[in-house]
Amino acid sequence: MHKISASRRTLASTLTAGTILATATAVSALATGQAAADPCWTYSPTLSDGLAASSSGSLAGSLGQPQWLTGKPEGMPKVTGNTEAVHMLTGRFAPDRTDKTGLSSTDLGIMWDSGDGRVLAAFGDSFRCGAGDNGWHSNALYETDDMDPSNGIHLGGPATGARSEEFLPASLKISGVEMTVIPTAGIEVGGAQYVDFMSVRDWGKPGQWRTNYAATAKSTDGGKTFSVVPGSYRTSSAASGDGRLPDFPAHRPGADNFQMTAFVKAPEGAEDGYVYVYGTPSGRSGQARLARISEASFPDFSSAEYWDGSGWSSRMDSAKPVLDGRVSELSVQYNKHLGKWLALYETTQGMVLRQADKPEGPWSSAKTLISRAQVPDIYGGFMYPHQTDGNLYWVATSWHSYNAVVYKTDLAKVF
């Protein structure tokens, strides 16, 4: 376990304009084997830059030690309204310097309570950015014992070992066969850790990637190692038949609607014995549908029930949308402060939030937390599993910085 020291819990802001991070260059790339954005810093501060960024002008500040000053780190978005950007969660400008453990650049940040005093955070395509090698790994898993996000969300180290590394089945990294393997949801059930993931066949046009399948991996050693649960596969209708891929079952009608997921259990004191699974198609343009699986059977999708608009059905293809419109990279949780279910996701207007009395809805209209005008390239919003006051704490990524940022939303200004 990685304890968070009192000094690291004290947030100040960060580097002044003197320390400038080179803008990540967008490239079309995963189709050619490169990252979706140039993930590795190409700028090294000069001595004068370092001194300018240091509150004391000390030499230590010029030698790579971040100075948490009154400004914002390069890459931090400027937002106003009901939401504020708090600090970088990952990378060299984050308080916890995840670059020192091999996580220099990454996205997503899917977080859940592991049931043993930790929170686990799963990331997508990640980079070490070492000399002569960007250190691309398709996913990463970190841990923390930080249960109070009101003073920032602080990461410990990798849950898998000393350095950031892939924890899901190794991806082939071949476009048109399997480009990468990315987590989409995480949850603890019965003391075990479960991470849902998608095998991305190719990226295609922006926001229109295709998958081979989705499945759930299980860990019984606290997140150090994972293995895929056979009954969890949902094979895409566009699946590649390449023999280098694992054997997965034939496509089942309705499976295309559960290629990306959000996992959530009923609130404390109202346990109903189910894991609720919100599913969306691959890409960024689908609606969200709902399944439930008993905790005893989770994550066996053959035993799942699907919300058909009026009740629960055993047919996957009977699932009707519960969240309409364009639902991308969905995060759902029950909020004790509001006594409501919350759904956070990215859509055409930006990052939005909706609430409901029941998992199946009906859901309120979407309320914008961060608009496209404020952060045009924001995506991947995921709520922290512990909420301590009337605010909502969550993380999201933007392409130009390609690292996760911690946000705080005043719920009283939203609903």
Foldseek 3Di string as FASTA:
>chain_A
DFADDPVLLAAAAFFDPLDEFPWWAADVDLQVLDDRTNFATPDQHDLVSQLVRAPVSDSVSNPLDTHRHHDHHHPFFCDDDQKDFRHFADASRGSQHQLVQQFHFWFFWAWEDLPPQKIKTKTAFGFNNDVPGRRTAGMWMWMYNDQACPSHDHTGYGPQDRHTHDADPGFPCHAQAFNGKTWQEWYHFPNKIKTKIFGWNHCPPAQDTATQWIFMWIDNPRRNHTDTDQLGIAGDPPHDPDPVDDDHDDHAALSQFARHWYWEADDPPPGPQKIKIWGGGRGFWTAIWIKIDGSVDPPRLQRIWTDQPPDTHSGNNSTDGLGDTGFASKYWYQDPVVCWIKIWFAHQQGIWIWTANDPSGNIDDTFDPGGCVRAVFKGNWYWYHHDDDQKTWIWIHGSRNRGITIMIGRVVSGD
